[in-house]
Protein backbone atom coordinates (compact mmCIF):
# COMPACT_ATOMS: atom_id res chain seq x y z
CA GLN A 1 -0.14 0.11 0.01
CA GLU A 2 1.24 3.22 -0.96
CA LYS A 3 2.07 5.78 1.81
CA PHE A 4 3.49 9.39 1.67
CA VAL A 5 4.70 11.08 4.90
CA GLU A 6 5.40 14.79 4.76
CA SER A 7 7.52 16.66 7.18
CA GLY A 8 9.63 19.91 7.75
CA GLY A 9 6.69 22.34 8.07
CA ASP A 10 7.15 25.55 10.13
CA LEU A 11 6.58 29.02 10.68
CA VAL A 12 8.95 31.37 8.57
CA PRO A 13 9.40 34.95 8.00
CA PRO A 14 8.57 36.45 4.72
CA GLY A 15 11.87 36.09 2.45
CA GLY A 16 12.87 33.04 4.55
CA SER A 17 13.74 29.58 3.44
CA LEU A 18 12.40 26.10 4.46
CA ARG A 19 12.83 22.48 3.32
CA LEU A 20 10.10 19.87 3.14
CA SER A 21 10.62 16.15 3.31
CA CYS A 22 8.50 13.37 1.79
CA ALA A 23 8.96 9.92 2.50
CA GLY A 24 7.39 7.30 0.22
CA SER A 25 6.74 3.61 0.70
CA GLY A 26 4.71 0.76 -0.69
CA PHE A 27 6.19 1.51 -4.24
CA SER A 28 9.39 1.75 -6.36
CA PHE A 29 10.10 5.47 -5.14
CA SER A 30 12.99 5.96 -7.63
CA ASP A 31 10.88 5.00 -10.52
CA GLU A 32 7.98 7.17 -10.20
CA THR A 33 6.97 10.45 -11.09
CA MET A 34 6.44 12.46 -7.95
CA THR A 35 4.46 15.55 -7.10
CA TRP A 36 4.15 18.32 -4.70
CA HIS A 37 0.81 20.00 -3.98
CA ARG A 38 -0.50 22.61 -1.41
CA GLN A 39 -3.73 23.79 0.02
CA SER A 40 -4.43 27.14 1.44
CA PRO A 41 -7.26 27.94 3.67
CA ASP A 42 -10.55 28.45 1.80
CA LYS A 43 -8.93 27.30 -1.46
CA ALA A 44 -8.80 23.97 -3.37
CA ARG A 45 -5.69 21.90 -3.24
CA GLU A 46 -3.11 23.06 -6.22
CA TRP A 47 -0.27 21.39 -7.90
CA VAL A 48 3.10 22.92 -7.08
CA ALA A 49 5.63 20.82 -8.57
CA THR A 50 6.69 17.55 -10.54
CA LEU A 51 9.77 15.44 -10.49
CA PHE A 52 10.41 12.92 -13.16
CA PRO A 53 12.32 9.77 -12.62
CA GLY A 54 15.19 11.21 -14.85
CA GLY A 55 15.34 14.37 -12.90
CA ALA A 56 13.41 16.69 -15.08
CA THR A 57 11.33 19.25 -13.08
CA TYR A 58 8.22 21.51 -13.59
CA TYR A 59 6.84 24.09 -11.34
CA THR A 60 3.75 26.09 -11.24
CA ASP A 61 4.18 29.84 -12.16
CA SER A 62 4.07 31.22 -8.72
CA VAL A 63 6.98 29.29 -7.36
CA THR A 64 9.13 29.07 -10.39
CA GLY A 65 12.71 30.32 -9.46
CA ARG A 66 12.06 30.03 -5.81
CA PHE A 67 11.10 26.40 -5.10
CA THR A 68 13.38 23.40 -6.14
CA VAL A 69 12.25 19.70 -5.93
CA SER A 70 14.70 16.96 -5.68
CA ARG A 71 14.96 13.30 -4.86
CA ASP A 72 17.39 11.18 -2.72
CA LYS A 73 16.85 7.68 -4.22
CA ALA A 74 18.77 5.80 -1.61
CA LYS A 75 16.49 7.19 1.24
CA ASP A 76 13.11 7.12 -0.82
CA THR A 77 12.86 10.59 0.11
CA MET A 78 11.86 13.76 -1.91
CA TYR A 79 12.49 17.29 -0.94
CA LEU A 80 11.15 20.75 -1.64
CA GLN A 81 13.41 23.54 -1.00
CA MET A 82 11.63 26.72 -0.71
CA LYS A 83 13.37 30.28 -0.72
CA SER A 84 12.17 33.84 -0.79
CA MET A 85 9.15 32.73 0.69
CA LYS A 86 5.79 34.91 0.54
CA PRO A 87 2.86 34.98 2.62
CA GLU A 88 0.84 33.51 -0.09
CA ASP A 89 2.95 30.37 0.19
CA THR A 90 1.09 29.46 3.60
CA ALA A 91 -0.58 26.30 3.04
CA VAL A 92 -0.51 22.71 4.01
CA TYR A 93 1.91 20.93 1.72
CA TYR A 94 1.44 17.35 0.36
CA CYS A 95 3.48 14.93 -1.71
CA GLN A 96 2.05 11.91 -3.80
CA LYS A 97 3.10 9.70 -6.55
CA HIS A 98 1.74 10.77 -9.96
CA GLU A 99 -1.89 9.54 -10.40
CA SER A 100 -2.13 8.03 -6.99
CA THR A 101 -5.51 8.43 -5.18
CA THR A 102 -3.74 8.22 -1.70
CA TRP A 103 -2.62 11.42 0.20
CA GLY A 104 -0.58 11.81 3.41
CA GLN A 105 -1.44 14.01 6.30
CA GLY A 106 0.51 17.15 4.89
CA SER A 107 2.80 19.56 6.53
CA GLN A 108 1.83 22.96 7.45
CA VAL A 109 3.91 26.01 6.15
CA THR A 110 3.13 29.31 7.61
CA VAL A 111 4.95 32.51 6.14
CA ALA A 112 4.40 35.35 8.54
CA ASN A 113 6.36 37.67 11.14
């Protein structure tokens, strides 16, 4: 059974940086396309980034140039490095295997003074 565990969320000031982690299990982590999503209060969950097995990455426009997704295949872990953070980045962040119907518990990120 697929499982995703997000961690690393915190309160950070505007302009700050934070790294989220995503531990995956129940599937061949290194062979799968992985994604990050986020959900802000009163908004629908939105796609943030995609990481392909070969290393190619894609980002939603609002985070391009500020967020970087990467993977440690030996640890079955994916990361989302966030910098120059903005209050509008405040959300619960989720990771997922592409086309999976399973979600983890998410990790809360709050950008505020």
